[in-house]
Amino acid sequence: MEPTYVAKPWGRTDIPDAPPEALPLGEIIYRANGHNLIIKWLHTAEPLSVQVHPRTRRRKHEWWHVIDARPGAYIDLGVSRPCTRDELAAAARAGSLPDLLNRIEPRTGDNFYIEAGTIHALGPGLTILEIQEDSDVTYRLFDYGRPRELHLEQGLAEAITEPQPIAAMPGPEAPFSLAPLRLDAGEKIELNTEGAALAVLTGEGTLAGRAVNAGQCWLADGALTITADAPMHLFIAEPRPPRPTSTE
């Protein structure tokens, strides 16, 4: 898969080999076209907007793996107590919406599954692998004074307003499955998948004879062999058949 480099106001300028036109670099995006998956590397220097994704039509579930968390990094995930939608809207307008959210200090290697409808935001100082459904619908609720459009009415209509358990990995009802894979130098493994996306976190090797390096994503169809030239750590994401979604 070919990467797309995207500048963001919250992105970073210290990412090696980032194209000058994509600075500050916020996202490196890989699209598994036809397989309902988007894979991103996210680099944050400032807080991202507080947002929510729809849980009815054009839903979007996503998952985060913390590649790196610098001192002071945080994640806001869900509300910290039961809230009304009017209360959340008033807090967003007053600039205090983050105070109502469940703030987490992540560590390198942590995983978070974000169910559609969960209010969430990344803080500064993070490098994140994000895997999500292929939907571009995002409702921005609060943006730290940046002059971007907000979507309070649409977003809060979709938002989960009660605290929820935090899952590390997608469950059996999720629209995609995830599996970590670690290979020692010289190790070889056979894969047999249909439309799986491989996100390489560390190491180097070959996939079906082609060079593979950290920071890349590959689409694997059918029987393939991965060989590690150096210790490799990757995640394999596979889409599941679509399930009916609520229209309430």
C-alpha atoms as a PDB file:
ATOM      1  CA  MET A   1       0.000   0.000   0.000  1.00  0.00           C
ATOM      2  CA  GLU A   2       1.244   3.495  -0.803  1.00  0.00           C
ATOM      3  CA  PRO A   3       1.379   6.061   2.027  1.00  0.00           C
ATOM      4  CA  THR A   4      -0.264   9.477   2.016  1.00  0.00           C
ATOM      5  CA  TYR A   5       1.411  12.114   4.199  1.00  0.00           C
ATOM      6  CA  VAL A   6      -0.956  14.649   5.772  1.00  0.00           C
ATOM      7  CA  ALA A   7      -0.054  17.868   7.564  1.00  0.00           C
ATOM      8  CA  LYS A   8      -2.089  18.656  10.674  1.00  0.00           C
ATOM      9  CA  PRO A   9      -2.058  21.664  13.038  1.00  0.00           C
ATOM     10  CA  TRP A  10      -1.281  19.261  15.897  1.00  0.00           C
ATOM     11  CA  GLY A  11       1.427  17.373  13.964  1.00  0.00           C
ATOM     12  CA  ARG A  12       5.195  17.207  14.439  1.00  0.00           C
ATOM     13  CA  THR A  13       8.182  18.553  12.559  1.00  0.00           C
ATOM     14  CA  ASP A  14      10.762  16.021  13.813  1.00  0.00           C
ATOM     15  CA  ILE A  15       9.669  12.966  11.797  1.00  0.00           C
ATOM     16  CA  PRO A  16      12.538  11.636   9.628  1.00  0.00           C
ATOM     17  CA  ASP A  17      11.981  11.644   5.847  1.00  0.00           C
ATOM     18  CA  ALA A  18       8.680  13.534   6.117  1.00  0.00           C
ATOM     19  CA  PRO A  19       7.951  15.485   2.920  1.00  0.00           C
ATOM     20  CA  PRO A  20       8.362  19.244   3.530  1.00  0.00           C
ATOM     21  CA  GLU A  21       4.875  19.919   2.151  1.00  0.00           C
ATOM     22  CA  ALA A  22       3.382  17.598   4.810  1.00  0.00           C
ATOM     23  CA  LEU A  23       4.814  19.454   7.820  1.00  0.00           C
ATOM     24  CA  PRO A  24       3.828  19.541  10.583  1.00  0.00           C
ATOM     25  CA  LEU A  25       3.244  15.851   9.904  1.00  0.00           C
ATOM     26  CA  GLY A  26       0.175  14.458  11.653  1.00  0.00           C
ATOM     27  CA  GLU A  27      -0.840  11.372   9.693  1.00  0.00           C
ATOM     28  CA  ILE A  28       0.695   8.763   7.429  1.00  0.00           C
ATOM     29  CA  ILE A  29      -2.284   6.993   5.879  1.00  0.00           C
ATOM     30  CA  TYR A  30      -2.539   3.608   4.193  1.00  0.00           C
ATOM     31  CA  ARG A  31      -5.861   2.579   2.641  1.00  0.00           C
ATOM     32  CA  ALA A  32      -6.668  -1.091   2.103  1.00  0.00           C
ATOM     33  CA  ASN A  33      -8.981  -0.282  -0.775  1.00  0.00           C
ATOM     34  CA  GLY A  34     -11.890  -2.682  -1.091  1.00  0.00           C
ATOM     35  CA  HIS A  35     -11.263  -4.202   2.348  1.00  0.00           C
ATOM     36  CA  ASN A  36     -12.900  -1.587   4.646  1.00  0.00           C
ATOM     37  CA  LEU A  37      -9.672  -0.765   6.500  1.00  0.00           C
ATOM     38  CA  ILE A  38      -7.586   2.368   6.970  1.00  0.00           C
ATOM     39  CA  ILE A  39      -4.246   2.212   8.760  1.00  0.00           C
ATOM     40  CA  LYS A  40      -2.573   5.351  10.078  1.00  0.00           C
ATOM     41  CA  TRP A  41       0.576   6.353  11.872  1.00  0.00           C
ATOM     42  CA  LEU A  42      -0.293   9.396  14.026  1.00  0.00           C
ATOM     43  CA  HIS A  43       2.315  11.823  15.405  1.00  0.00           C
ATOM     44  CA  THR A  44       1.074  14.406  17.917  1.00  0.00           C
ATOM     45  CA  ALA A  45       2.782  17.530  19.230  1.00  0.00           C
ATOM     46  CA  GLU A  46      -0.442  19.168  20.471  1.00  0.00           C
ATOM     47  CA  PRO A  47      -3.862  17.877  21.595  1.00  0.00           C
ATOM     48  CA  LEU A  48      -6.158  16.675  18.835  1.00  0.00           C
ATOM     49  CA  SER A  49      -9.762  17.786  18.677  1.00  0.00           C
ATOM     50  CA  VAL A  50     -12.265  16.058  20.955  1.00  0.00           C
ATOM     51  CA  GLN A  51     -14.376  14.029  18.547  1.00  0.00           C
ATOM     52  CA  VAL A  52     -16.810  11.181  18.078  1.00  0.00           C
ATOM     53  CA  HIS A  53     -17.587   8.836  15.205  1.00  0.00           C
ATOM     54  CA  PRO A  54     -21.098   7.727  14.246  1.00  0.00           C
ATOM     55  CA  ARG A  55     -22.435   4.444  15.601  1.00  0.00           C
ATOM     56  CA  THR A  56     -25.451   4.182  13.310  1.00  0.00           C
ATOM     57  CA  ARG A  57     -25.023   4.780   9.583  1.00  0.00           C
ATOM     58  CA  ARG A  58     -21.456   5.171   8.275  1.00  0.00           C
ATOM     59  CA  ARG A  59     -20.127   4.002  11.642  1.00  0.00           C
ATOM     60  CA  LYS A  60     -16.438   3.935  12.482  1.00  0.00           C
ATOM     61  CA  HIS A  61     -14.797   1.765  15.131  1.00  0.00           C
ATOM     62  CA  GLU A  62     -11.060   2.178  15.584  1.00  0.00           C
ATOM     63  CA  TRP A  63      -8.112   0.857  17.569  1.00  0.00           C
ATOM     64  CA  TRP A  64      -4.938   2.469  18.890  1.00  0.00           C
ATOM     65  CA  HIS A  65      -1.560   0.934  19.672  1.00  0.00           C
ATOM     66  CA  VAL A  66       0.816   3.239  21.541  1.00  0.00           C
ATOM     67  CA  ILE A  67       4.164   3.073  19.760  1.00  0.00           C
ATOM     68  CA  ASP A  68       5.658   5.840  21.881  1.00  0.00           C
ATOM     69  CA  ALA A  69       4.403   8.035  24.729  1.00  0.00           C
ATOM     70  CA  ARG A  70       6.546  10.966  25.836  1.00  0.00           C
ATOM     71  CA  PRO A  71       6.342  12.481  29.337  1.00  0.00           C
ATOM     72  CA  GLY A  72       3.064  14.367  29.712  1.00  0.00           C
ATOM     73  CA  ALA A  73       1.273  12.394  26.988  1.00  0.00           C
ATOM     74  CA  TYR A  74      -2.369  11.515  27.582  1.00  0.00           C
ATOM     75  CA  ILE A  75      -5.468  10.072  25.960  1.00  0.00           C
ATOM     76  CA  ASP A  76      -9.068  11.144  26.637  1.00  0.00           C
ATOM     77  CA  LEU A  77     -11.378   8.163  26.212  1.00  0.00           C
ATOM     78  CA  GLY A  78     -15.076   8.302  27.053  1.00  0.00           C
ATOM     79  CA  VAL A  79     -16.806  10.331  29.749  1.00  0.00           C
ATOM     80  CA  SER A  80     -15.621  10.073  33.342  1.00  0.00           C
ATOM     81  CA  ARG A  81     -19.176  10.123  34.755  1.00  0.00           C
ATOM     82  CA  PRO A  82     -22.734  10.028  33.422  1.00  0.00           C
ATOM     83  CA  CYS A  83     -23.493  13.243  31.524  1.00  0.00           C
ATOM     84  CA  THR A  84     -26.460  14.672  29.711  1.00  0.00           C
ATOM     85  CA  ARG A  85     -26.080  15.837  26.135  1.00  0.00           C
ATOM     86  CA  ASP A  86     -27.013  19.360  27.213  1.00  0.00           C
ATOM     87  CA  GLU A  87     -24.240  19.266  29.822  1.00  0.00           C
ATOM     88  CA  LEU A  88     -21.702  18.109  27.249  1.00  0.00           C
ATOM     89  CA  ALA A  89     -22.802  20.783  24.782  1.00  0.00           C
ATOM     90  CA  ALA A  90     -22.515  23.522  27.415  1.00  0.00           C
ATOM     91  CA  ALA A  91     -19.047  22.302  28.404  1.00  0.00           C
ATOM     92  CA  ALA A  92     -17.918  22.262  24.774  1.00  0.00           C
ATOM     93  CA  ARG A  93     -19.061  25.865  24.303  1.00  0.00           C
ATOM     94  CA  ALA A  94     -17.404  26.935  27.569  1.00  0.00           C
ATOM     95  CA  GLY A  95     -14.104  25.200  26.724  1.00  0.00           C
ATOM     96  CA  SER A  96     -14.312  22.702  29.593  1.00  0.00           C
ATOM     97  CA  LEU A  97     -15.349  19.548  27.722  1.00  0.00           C
ATOM     98  CA  PRO A  98     -11.992  17.796  28.388  1.00  0.00           C
ATOM     99  CA  ASP A  99     -12.717  18.092  32.124  1.00  0.00           C
ATOM    100  CA  LEU A 100     -15.647  15.669  31.687  1.00  0.00           C
ATOM    101  CA  LEU A 101     -13.593  13.006  29.930  1.00  0.00           C
ATOM    102  CA  ASN A 102     -11.739   9.979  31.230  1.00  0.00           C
ATOM    103  CA  ARG A 103      -8.056  10.925  31.029  1.00  0.00           C
ATOM    104  CA  ILE A 104      -5.487   8.148  30.717  1.00  0.00           C
ATOM    105  CA  GLU A 105      -1.695   8.332  30.887  1.00  0.00           C
ATOM    106  CA  PRO A 106      -0.717   5.717  28.290  1.00  0.00           C
ATOM    107  CA  ARG A 107       2.471   3.709  28.228  1.00  0.00           C
ATOM    108  CA  THR A 108       4.357   2.401  25.226  1.00  0.00           C
ATOM    109  CA  GLY A 109       2.730  -0.862  24.145  1.00  0.00           C
ATOM    110  CA  ASP A 110      -0.760  -0.038  25.442  1.00  0.00           C
ATOM    111  CA  ASN A 111      -3.768  -0.860  23.253  1.00  0.00           C
ATOM    112  CA  PHE A 112      -7.192   0.804  23.170  1.00  0.00           C
ATOM    113  CA  TYR A 113     -10.275  -0.218  21.193  1.00  0.00           C
ATOM    114  CA  ILE A 114     -12.546   2.775  20.554  1.00  0.00           C
ATOM    115  CA  GLU A 115     -16.143   1.793  19.921  1.00  0.00           C
ATOM    116  CA  ALA A 116     -18.110   4.048  17.602  1.00  0.00           C
ATOM    117  CA  GLY A 117     -19.904   6.696  19.666  1.00  0.00           C
ATOM    118  CA  THR A 118     -17.083   7.017  22.217  1.00  0.00           C
ATOM    119  CA  ILE A 119     -15.946  10.599  22.770  1.00  0.00           C
ATOM    120  CA  HIS A 120     -12.178  10.561  22.436  1.00  0.00           C
ATOM    121  CA  ALA A 121      -9.026  12.554  21.797  1.00  0.00           C
ATOM    122  CA  LEU A 122      -5.289  12.091  21.662  1.00  0.00           C
ATOM    123  CA  GLY A 123      -3.051  14.403  23.634  1.00  0.00           C
ATOM    124  CA  PRO A 124       0.454  15.595  22.729  1.00  0.00           C
ATOM    125  CA  GLY A 125       3.638  13.544  22.681  1.00  0.00           C
ATOM    126  CA  LEU A 126       2.241  10.370  21.118  1.00  0.00           C
ATOM    127  CA  THR A 127       3.100   8.100  18.228  1.00  0.00           C
ATOM    128  CA  ILE A 128       0.109   5.877  17.529  1.00  0.00           C
ATOM    129  CA  LEU A 129      -0.744   3.070  15.147  1.00  0.00           C
ATOM    130  CA  GLU A 130      -4.442   3.476  14.325  1.00  0.00           C
ATOM    131  CA  ILE A 131      -6.533   0.866  12.529  1.00  0.00           C
ATOM    132  CA  GLN A 132     -10.114   1.760  11.672  1.00  0.00           C
ATOM    133  CA  GLU A 133     -13.076   1.100   9.472  1.00  0.00           C
ATOM    134  CA  ASP A 134     -12.982   2.895   6.135  1.00  0.00           C
ATOM    135  CA  SER A 135     -15.261   5.811   6.961  1.00  0.00           C
ATOM    136  CA  ASP A 136     -14.323   9.475   6.871  1.00  0.00           C
ATOM    137  CA  VAL A 137     -17.175  10.674   9.095  1.00  0.00           C
ATOM    138  CA  THR A 138     -15.855  12.474  12.185  1.00  0.00           C
ATOM    139  CA  TYR A 139     -17.845  14.865  14.361  1.00  0.00           C
ATOM    140  CA  ARG A 140     -15.618  17.436  16.038  1.00  0.00           C
ATOM    141  CA  LEU A 141     -16.956  18.552  19.446  1.00  0.00           C
ATOM    142  CA  PHE A 142     -14.133  20.757  20.749  1.00  0.00           C
ATOM    143  CA  ASP A 143     -10.933  21.963  19.080  1.00  0.00           C
ATOM    144  CA  TYR A 144      -8.908  24.003  21.594  1.00  0.00           C
ATOM    145  CA  GLY A 145      -9.673  27.304  19.875  1.00  0.00           C
ATOM    146  CA  ARG A 146      -8.633  26.248  16.381  1.00  0.00           C
ATOM    147  CA  PRO A 147     -10.789  27.822  13.653  1.00  0.00           C
ATOM    148  CA  ARG A 148     -12.234  24.546  12.353  1.00  0.00           C
ATOM    149  CA  GLU A 149     -15.881  23.599  12.026  1.00  0.00           C
ATOM    150  CA  LEU A 150     -17.541  21.922  15.009  1.00  0.00           C
ATOM    151  CA  HIS A 151     -20.406  19.429  14.805  1.00  0.00           C
ATOM    152  CA  LEU A 152     -21.964  19.529  18.268  1.00  0.00           C
ATOM    153  CA  GLU A 153     -25.529  18.614  17.336  1.00  0.00           C
ATOM    154  CA  GLN A 154     -24.613  15.695  15.066  1.00  0.00           C
ATOM    155  CA  GLY A 155     -21.804  14.457  17.306  1.00  0.00           C
ATOM    156  CA  LEU A 156     -23.673  14.511  20.600  1.00  0.00           C
ATOM    157  CA  ALA A 157     -26.610  12.716  18.984  1.00  0.00           C
ATOM    158  CA  GLU A 158     -24.201   9.797  18.383  1.00  0.00           C
ATOM    159  CA  ALA A 159     -22.194  10.076  21.612  1.00  0.00           C
ATOM    160  CA  ILE A 160     -22.163   7.510  24.419  1.00  0.00           C
ATOM    161  CA  THR A 161     -22.858   9.565  27.544  1.00  0.00           C
ATOM    162  CA  GLU A 162     -22.191   6.921  30.228  1.00  0.00           C
ATOM    163  CA  PRO A 163     -18.756   5.620  31.287  1.00  0.00           C
ATOM    164  CA  GLN A 164     -17.857   2.400  29.474  1.00  0.00           C
ATOM    165  CA  PRO A 165     -15.280  -0.342  30.130  1.00  0.00           C
ATOM    166  CA  ILE A 166     -12.070   0.195  28.186  1.00  0.00           C
ATOM    167  CA  ALA A 167     -11.151  -2.706  25.930  1.00  0.00           C
ATOM    168  CA  ALA A 168      -7.609  -3.306  24.739  1.00  0.00           C
ATOM    169  CA  MET A 169      -8.502  -5.299  21.616  1.00  0.00           C
ATOM    170  CA  PRO A 170     -11.521  -5.655  19.343  1.00  0.00           C
ATOM    171  CA  GLY A 171     -14.013  -8.288  20.441  1.00  0.00           C
ATOM    172  CA  PRO A 172     -15.880 -10.857  18.342  1.00  0.00           C
ATOM    173  CA  GLU A 173     -18.538  -8.307  17.357  1.00  0.00           C
ATOM    174  CA  ALA A 174     -15.972  -5.811  16.039  1.00  0.00           C
ATOM    175  CA  PRO A 175     -15.772  -5.150  12.270  1.00  0.00           C
ATOM    176  CA  PHE A 176     -12.143  -6.281  12.121  1.00  0.00           C
ATOM    177  CA  SER A 177      -9.866  -8.673  13.969  1.00  0.00           C
ATOM    178  CA  LEU A 178      -6.303  -7.967  15.098  1.00  0.00           C
ATOM    179  CA  ALA A 179      -3.419 -10.277  15.870  1.00  0.00           C
ATOM    180  CA  PRO A 180       0.106  -9.331  16.944  1.00  0.00           C
ATOM    181  CA  LEU A 181       3.003 -11.199  15.378  1.00  0.00           C
ATOM    182  CA  ARG A 182       6.623 -11.266  16.531  1.00  0.00           C
ATOM    183  CA  LEU A 183       9.401 -12.929  14.553  1.00  0.00           C
ATOM    184  CA  ASP A 184      13.000 -13.493  15.563  1.00  0.00           C
ATOM    185  CA  ALA A 185      15.803 -12.762  13.112  1.00  0.00           C
ATOM    186  CA  GLY A 186      15.902 -15.554  10.544  1.00  0.00           C
ATOM    187  CA  GLU A 187      12.413 -16.806  11.420  1.00  0.00           C
ATOM    188  CA  LYS A 188       9.935 -17.541   8.645  1.00  0.00           C
ATOM    189  CA  ILE A 189       6.161 -17.912   8.781  1.00  0.00           C
ATOM    190  CA  GLU A 190       3.481 -18.780   6.246  1.00  0.00           C
ATOM    191  CA  LEU A 191       0.324 -16.672   6.081  1.00  0.00           C
ATOM    192  CA  ASN A 192      -2.916 -17.517   4.319  1.00  0.00           C
ATOM    193  CA  THR A 193      -5.288 -14.569   4.416  1.00  0.00           C
ATOM    194  CA  GLU A 194      -7.898 -12.806   2.335  1.00  0.00           C
ATOM    195  CA  GLY A 195      -7.396  -9.064   2.316  1.00  0.00           C
ATOM    196  CA  ALA A 196      -5.414  -8.728   5.551  1.00  0.00           C
ATOM    197  CA  ALA A 197      -3.433  -5.560   6.243  1.00  0.00           C
ATOM    198  CA  LEU A 198       0.009  -5.965   7.795  1.00  0.00           C
ATOM    199  CA  ALA A 199       1.346  -3.011   9.806  1.00  0.00           C
ATOM    200  CA  VAL A 200       5.079  -3.337  10.521  1.00  0.00           C
ATOM    201  CA  LEU A 201       6.141  -1.624  13.753  1.00  0.00           C
ATOM    202  CA  THR A 202       9.767  -2.732  14.008  1.00  0.00           C
ATOM    203  CA  GLY A 203      12.296  -4.804  12.119  1.00  0.00           C
ATOM    204  CA  GLU A 204      12.858  -5.684   8.492  1.00  0.00           C
ATOM    205  CA  GLY A 205      12.536  -8.672   6.236  1.00  0.00           C
ATOM    206  CA  THR A 206      10.682  -9.854   3.161  1.00  0.00           C
ATOM    207  CA  LEU A 207       7.039 -10.520   2.305  1.00  0.00           C
ATOM    208  CA  ALA A 208       6.610 -12.801  -0.704  1.00  0.00           C
ATOM    209  CA  GLY A 209      10.152 -11.828  -1.707  1.00  0.00           C
ATOM    210  CA  ARG A 210       9.626  -8.063  -1.415  1.00  0.00           C
ATOM    211  CA  ALA A 211      11.545  -5.950   1.106  1.00  0.00           C
ATOM    212  CA  VAL A 212       9.563  -4.983   4.202  1.00  0.00           C
ATOM    213  CA  ASN A 213      10.608  -2.278   6.680  1.00  0.00           C
ATOM    214  CA  ALA A 214       9.301  -0.701   9.868  1.00  0.00           C
ATOM    215  CA  GLY A 215       6.610   1.918   9.302  1.00  0.00           C
ATOM    216  CA  GLN A 216       5.159   0.225   6.233  1.00  0.00           C
ATOM    217  CA  CYS A 217       1.789  -1.396   5.576  1.00  0.00           C
ATOM    218  CA  TRP A 218       1.169  -4.249   3.180  1.00  0.00           C
ATOM    219  CA  LEU A 219      -1.977  -5.894   1.856  1.00  0.00           C
ATOM    220  CA  ALA A 220      -1.756  -9.691   1.999  1.00  0.00           C
ATOM    221  CA  ASP A 221      -4.027 -11.821  -0.204  1.00  0.00           C
ATOM    222  CA  GLY A 222      -3.717 -15.585  -0.321  1.00  0.00           C
ATOM    223  CA  ALA A 223      -0.713 -17.661   0.779  1.00  0.00           C
ATOM    224  CA  LEU A 224       2.408 -15.583   1.515  1.00  0.00           C
ATOM    225  CA  THR A 225       5.694 -16.070   3.342  1.00  0.00           C
ATOM    226  CA  ILE A 226       7.171 -13.530   5.767  1.00  0.00           C
ATOM    227  CA  THR A 227      10.866 -13.826   6.562  1.00  0.00           C
ATOM    228  CA  ALA A 228      12.484 -11.665   9.261  1.00  0.00           C
ATOM    229  CA  ASP A 229      16.017 -10.398   8.617  1.00  0.00           C
ATOM    230  CA  ALA A 230      15.912  -8.622  11.982  1.00  0.00           C
ATOM    231  CA  PRO A 231      13.458  -9.101  14.875  1.00  0.00           C
ATOM    232  CA  MET A 232      10.033  -7.987  13.611  1.00  0.00           C
ATOM    233  CA  HIS A 233       6.886  -6.830  15.380  1.00  0.00           C
ATOM    234  CA  LEU A 234       3.751  -6.365  13.317  1.00  0.00           C
ATOM    235  CA  PHE A 235      -0.028  -6.451  13.566  1.00  0.00           C
ATOM    236  CA  ILE A 236      -2.303  -8.302  11.177  1.00  0.00           C
ATOM    237  CA  ALA A 237      -5.749  -6.745  10.675  1.00  0.00           C
ATOM    238  CA  GLU A 238      -8.498  -8.626   8.863  1.00  0.00           C
ATOM    239  CA  PRO A 239     -11.954  -7.217   8.069  1.00  0.00           C
ATOM    240  CA  ARG A 240     -14.990  -9.203   9.158  1.00  0.00           C
ATOM    241  CA  PRO A 241     -18.205  -9.486   7.146  1.00  0.00           C
ATOM    242  CA  PRO A 242     -20.429  -6.451   7.767  1.00  0.00           C
ATOM    243  CA  ARG A 243     -23.119  -6.767  10.418  1.00  0.00           C
ATOM    244  CA  PRO A 244     -26.441  -4.928  10.451  1.00  0.00           C
ATOM    245  CA  THR A 245     -26.159  -1.571  12.200  1.00  0.00           C
ATOM    246  CA  SER A 246     -28.742   0.212  14.304  1.00  0.00           C
ATOM    247  CA  THR A 247     -30.799   2.967  12.696  1.00  0.00           C
ATOM    248  CA  GLU A 248     -32.186   4.340  15.957  1.00  0.00           C
END
